[in-house]
N, C-alpha and C. Protein backbone atom coordinates (compact mmCIF):
# COMPACT_ATOMS: atom_id res chain seq x y z
N MET A 1 -37.31 25.68 -22.49
CA MET A 1 -36.03 25.76 -22.01
C MET A 1 -35.65 25.19 -23.13
N GLN A 2 -34.67 25.33 -23.84
CA GLN A 2 -33.63 24.71 -24.51
C GLN A 2 -32.42 24.01 -24.08
N PRO A 3 -32.22 22.82 -24.69
CA PRO A 3 -30.88 22.07 -24.32
C PRO A 3 -29.71 22.71 -24.47
N LYS A 4 -28.89 23.01 -23.64
CA LYS A 4 -27.66 23.68 -23.99
C LYS A 4 -26.94 22.50 -24.74
N GLU A 5 -25.94 23.38 -25.71
CA GLU A 5 -25.10 22.63 -26.93
C GLU A 5 -23.61 22.29 -26.43
N LEU A 6 -23.35 21.08 -26.43
CA LEU A 6 -22.31 20.55 -25.63
C LEU A 6 -21.07 21.46 -26.27
N THR A 7 -19.69 21.76 -25.28
CA THR A 7 -18.74 22.18 -25.96
C THR A 7 -17.87 20.87 -26.09
N LEU A 8 -16.69 21.18 -26.81
CA LEU A 8 -15.93 20.19 -27.54
C LEU A 8 -15.41 20.15 -25.76
N ALA A 9 -14.97 20.43 -24.35
CA ALA A 9 -14.37 19.90 -23.75
C ALA A 9 -15.59 18.97 -22.98
N ASP A 10 -16.83 19.21 -23.44
CA ASP A 10 -17.81 18.09 -22.95
C ASP A 10 -17.97 17.31 -23.68
N HIS A 11 -17.53 17.15 -24.87
CA HIS A 11 -17.44 16.07 -25.68
C HIS A 11 -15.79 15.08 -25.66
N LEU A 12 -15.35 15.63 -24.94
CA LEU A 12 -14.07 15.11 -24.68
C LEU A 12 -14.21 14.41 -23.09
N ALA A 13 -15.26 14.86 -22.39
CA ALA A 13 -15.39 14.32 -21.21
C ALA A 13 -16.31 13.04 -21.28
N ILE A 14 -17.19 12.99 -22.20
CA ILE A 14 -18.25 12.28 -22.44
C ILE A 14 -17.47 10.97 -22.83
N ASP A 15 -16.12 11.21 -24.13
CA ASP A 15 -15.48 9.91 -24.72
C ASP A 15 -14.13 9.67 -23.36
N ARG A 16 -14.01 10.41 -22.63
CA ARG A 16 -13.07 9.99 -21.25
C ARG A 16 -14.17 8.74 -20.31
N THR A 17 -15.14 9.14 -20.36
CA THR A 17 -15.81 8.53 -19.48
C THR A 17 -16.50 7.20 -19.94
N LEU A 18 -16.75 7.42 -21.42
CA LEU A 18 -16.98 5.74 -21.83
C LEU A 18 -15.32 5.14 -22.21
N MET A 19 -14.59 5.65 -22.46
CA MET A 19 -13.21 4.60 -22.38
C MET A 19 -12.74 4.20 -20.84
N ALA A 20 -13.43 4.99 -19.74
CA ALA A 20 -13.17 4.66 -18.42
C ALA A 20 -14.11 3.34 -18.08
N ASN A 21 -15.26 3.58 -18.97
CA ASN A 21 -16.12 2.57 -18.90
C ASN A 21 -16.36 0.88 -19.39
N GLU A 22 -15.31 1.04 -20.97
CA GLU A 22 -14.93 -0.10 -21.32
C GLU A 22 -13.65 -0.61 -20.21
N ARG A 23 -12.34 0.48 -19.63
CA ARG A 23 -11.16 -0.29 -19.10
C ARG A 23 -12.12 -0.90 -17.69
N THR A 24 -13.18 -0.35 -17.30
CA THR A 24 -13.75 -0.84 -15.82
C THR A 24 -13.96 -2.45 -16.35
N LEU A 25 -14.68 -2.92 -17.60
CA LEU A 25 -15.78 -3.75 -18.37
C LEU A 25 -14.34 -4.59 -18.55
N LEU A 26 -13.23 -4.44 -18.99
CA LEU A 26 -12.17 -5.44 -19.43
C LEU A 26 -11.71 -5.82 -17.99
N ALA A 27 -11.34 -5.00 -16.50
CA ALA A 27 -10.95 -5.54 -15.57
C ALA A 27 -12.16 -6.72 -14.53
N TYR A 28 -13.51 -6.35 -14.94
CA TYR A 28 -13.69 -7.28 -14.44
C TYR A 28 -13.60 -8.68 -15.27
N ALA A 29 -13.51 -8.20 -16.50
CA ALA A 29 -13.15 -9.57 -17.44
C ALA A 29 -12.24 -10.34 -17.05
N ARG A 30 -10.92 -9.78 -16.64
CA ARG A 30 -10.00 -9.59 -16.28
C ARG A 30 -9.69 -10.54 -14.79
N SER A 31 -10.67 -9.80 -13.90
CA SER A 31 -10.73 -10.61 -12.89
C SER A 31 -11.44 -12.15 -12.56
N ALA A 32 -12.67 -12.14 -13.58
CA ALA A 32 -13.31 -13.36 -13.67
C ALA A 32 -12.24 -14.33 -13.97
N PHE A 33 -11.93 -13.95 -15.21
CA PHE A 33 -10.57 -15.30 -15.78
C PHE A 33 -9.77 -15.37 -14.54
N ALA A 34 -9.32 -14.60 -13.77
CA ALA A 34 -8.04 -14.76 -13.21
C ALA A 34 -8.90 -15.87 -11.80
N LEU A 35 -9.79 -15.51 -11.25
CA LEU A 35 -10.54 -16.53 -10.28
C LEU A 35 -10.82 -17.78 -11.16
N PHE A 36 -11.58 -18.21 -12.24
CA PHE A 36 -11.62 -19.16 -12.87
C PHE A 36 -10.27 -19.94 -13.03
N ILE A 37 -9.22 -19.27 -13.46
CA ILE A 37 -7.92 -20.04 -13.50
C ILE A 37 -7.26 -20.26 -11.89
N ALA A 38 -7.58 -19.46 -10.93
CA ALA A 38 -7.09 -19.92 -9.27
C ALA A 38 -8.13 -21.11 -9.06
N GLY A 39 -9.16 -21.57 -9.44
CA GLY A 39 -10.17 -22.29 -8.87
C GLY A 39 -9.45 -23.42 -9.73
N LEU A 40 -9.02 -23.41 -10.93
CA LEU A 40 -8.86 -24.92 -11.58
C LEU A 40 -7.34 -25.27 -11.33
N SER A 41 -6.58 -24.26 -10.72
CA SER A 41 -5.10 -24.46 -10.40
C SER A 41 -5.16 -25.37 -8.86
N VAL A 42 -6.13 -24.64 -8.11
CA VAL A 42 -6.63 -25.29 -6.96
C VAL A 42 -7.03 -26.50 -6.68
N LEU A 43 -7.72 -26.81 -7.96
CA LEU A 43 -8.08 -28.07 -8.13
C LEU A 43 -7.18 -29.13 -8.78
N LYS A 44 -6.02 -28.71 -9.56
CA LYS A 44 -5.08 -29.22 -10.00
C LYS A 44 -3.75 -29.95 -8.72
N PHE A 45 -3.48 -28.66 -8.09
CA PHE A 45 -2.90 -28.69 -7.53
C PHE A 45 -2.47 -29.00 -5.84
N PHE A 46 -3.63 -29.12 -5.35
CA PHE A 46 -4.05 -29.77 -4.30
C PHE A 46 -4.93 -30.53 -3.55
N GLY A 47 -5.38 -31.13 -4.74
CA GLY A 47 -5.96 -32.68 -4.45
C GLY A 47 -7.30 -32.48 -4.03
N PRO A 48 -8.27 -33.35 -3.46
CA PRO A 48 -9.07 -33.55 -3.66
C PRO A 48 -9.83 -33.45 -1.84
N GLU A 49 -8.98 -32.83 -1.06
CA GLU A 49 -9.61 -32.53 0.07
C GLU A 49 -10.16 -31.64 -0.06
N PHE A 50 -11.29 -31.72 1.09
CA PHE A 50 -12.69 -30.94 1.35
C PHE A 50 -12.58 -29.58 1.05
N VAL A 51 -11.73 -29.01 2.13
CA VAL A 51 -11.37 -27.25 2.02
C VAL A 51 -11.21 -27.06 0.92
N PHE A 52 -10.04 -27.69 -0.07
CA PHE A 52 -9.71 -27.00 -1.28
C PHE A 52 -10.57 -27.37 -2.15
N LEU A 53 -11.33 -28.09 -2.58
CA LEU A 53 -12.28 -28.82 -3.18
C LEU A 53 -13.58 -27.25 -2.99
N CYS A 54 -14.06 -26.74 -1.50
CA CYS A 54 -14.73 -26.17 -1.68
C CYS A 54 -14.09 -24.82 -2.14
N ILE A 55 -13.05 -24.01 -1.76
CA ILE A 55 -12.47 -23.14 -2.19
C ILE A 55 -12.17 -23.06 -4.07
N ALA A 56 -12.12 -24.14 -4.32
CA ALA A 56 -11.92 -24.21 -5.79
C ALA A 56 -13.40 -24.06 -6.70
N TRP A 57 -14.32 -24.66 -6.11
CA TRP A 57 -15.19 -24.78 -6.85
C TRP A 57 -15.94 -23.14 -6.48
N SER A 58 -15.80 -22.80 -5.38
CA SER A 58 -16.00 -21.77 -5.26
C SER A 58 -15.72 -20.23 -6.12
N PHE A 59 -14.55 -20.51 -6.65
CA PHE A 59 -13.94 -19.86 -7.32
C PHE A 59 -14.58 -19.86 -8.58
N ILE A 60 -14.57 -21.03 -9.02
CA ILE A 60 -14.99 -21.33 -10.34
C ILE A 60 -16.37 -20.95 -10.56
N GLY A 61 -17.19 -21.51 -9.60
CA GLY A 61 -18.48 -20.44 -9.59
C GLY A 61 -18.90 -19.07 -9.52
N PHE A 62 -17.86 -18.21 -8.90
CA PHE A 62 -18.15 -17.10 -8.84
C PHE A 62 -17.37 -16.26 -10.19
N ALA A 63 -16.48 -16.67 -10.57
CA ALA A 63 -16.28 -16.08 -12.24
C ALA A 63 -17.15 -15.58 -13.00
N PRO A 64 -17.68 -16.54 -13.52
CA PRO A 64 -18.99 -16.21 -14.42
C PRO A 64 -19.95 -15.41 -14.04
N VAL A 65 -20.17 -14.89 -12.56
CA VAL A 65 -20.97 -14.25 -11.86
C VAL A 65 -20.46 -12.64 -11.74
N LEU A 66 -19.15 -12.54 -11.51
CA LEU A 66 -18.20 -11.24 -11.62
C LEU A 66 -18.38 -10.62 -12.98
N PHE A 67 -18.11 -11.63 -14.21
CA PHE A 67 -18.62 -11.28 -15.24
C PHE A 67 -19.50 -10.90 -15.77
N PHE A 68 -20.62 -11.46 -15.56
CA PHE A 68 -21.76 -10.84 -15.95
C PHE A 68 -22.57 -9.73 -15.18
N VAL A 69 -21.89 -9.52 -13.75
CA VAL A 69 -21.94 -8.16 -13.14
C VAL A 69 -21.04 -7.11 -13.78
N GLY A 70 -19.71 -7.00 -14.44
CA GLY A 70 -19.17 -6.31 -14.97
C GLY A 70 -19.62 -5.82 -16.08
N ILE A 71 -20.47 -7.03 -16.96
CA ILE A 71 -21.24 -6.66 -18.19
C ILE A 71 -22.38 -6.11 -17.97
N TYR A 72 -23.30 -6.05 -16.88
CA TYR A 72 -24.35 -5.19 -16.71
C TYR A 72 -23.98 -4.17 -16.32
N ARG A 73 -23.27 -3.73 -15.22
CA ARG A 73 -22.43 -2.55 -14.88
C ARG A 73 -22.56 -1.47 -16.16
N SER A 74 -21.63 -1.71 -16.68
CA SER A 74 -21.21 -1.54 -18.12
C SER A 74 -22.44 -0.91 -19.09
N TRP A 75 -23.16 -1.94 -19.45
CA TRP A 75 -24.24 -1.34 -20.21
C TRP A 75 -24.79 -0.49 -19.37
N ARG A 76 -25.36 -0.84 -18.09
CA ARG A 76 -26.29 0.31 -17.47
C ARG A 76 -25.69 1.54 -17.66
N THR A 77 -24.46 1.79 -17.36
CA THR A 77 -23.51 3.13 -17.18
C THR A 77 -23.70 3.27 -19.24
N HIS A 78 -23.38 2.82 -19.65
CA HIS A 78 -23.14 3.38 -21.26
C HIS A 78 -24.96 3.96 -21.75
N LYS A 79 -25.89 3.30 -20.94
CA LYS A 79 -27.64 3.38 -21.15
C LYS A 79 -27.84 4.97 -20.65
N LYS A 80 -26.71 5.14 -19.51
CA LYS A 80 -27.34 6.23 -18.67
C LYS A 80 -26.41 7.39 -19.28
N LEU A 81 -25.47 7.48 -19.87
CA LEU A 81 -24.59 8.34 -20.56
C LEU A 81 -24.95 8.65 -22.07
N LYS A 82 -25.72 7.62 -22.63
CA LYS A 82 -26.55 7.74 -23.84
C LYS A 82 -27.83 8.72 -23.49
N GLN A 83 -28.43 8.34 -22.86
CA GLN A 83 -29.49 9.13 -22.31
C GLN A 83 -29.60 10.72 -21.99
N ARG A 84 -28.43 10.63 -21.37
CA ARG A 84 -27.83 12.31 -20.55
C ARG A 84 -27.60 12.81 -22.00
N TYR A 85 -26.77 12.42 -22.83
CA TYR A 85 -25.81 13.25 -23.45
C TYR A 85 -26.48 13.44 -25.06
N GLN A 86 -27.59 12.59 -25.28
CA GLN A 86 -28.47 12.57 -26.54
C GLN A 86 -29.76 13.82 -26.80
């Protein structure tokens, strides 16, 4: 069985999917940056109370996790698309 040749519509759909994947990665990065800044803001403005310290450090700690989850998901999706359409 020979592979079906892709049409122009198929190529455009793949391009749209790749751009959506890039937008999703940027959204993960933006969310991680916002969490990090929110954590720093809580540290700066709400003082050394235990509850605020826990909230601030959980925001700061979760920010890189969210960023790397976004990178991993973007890489995995790109890899699947590359395997499927090459």
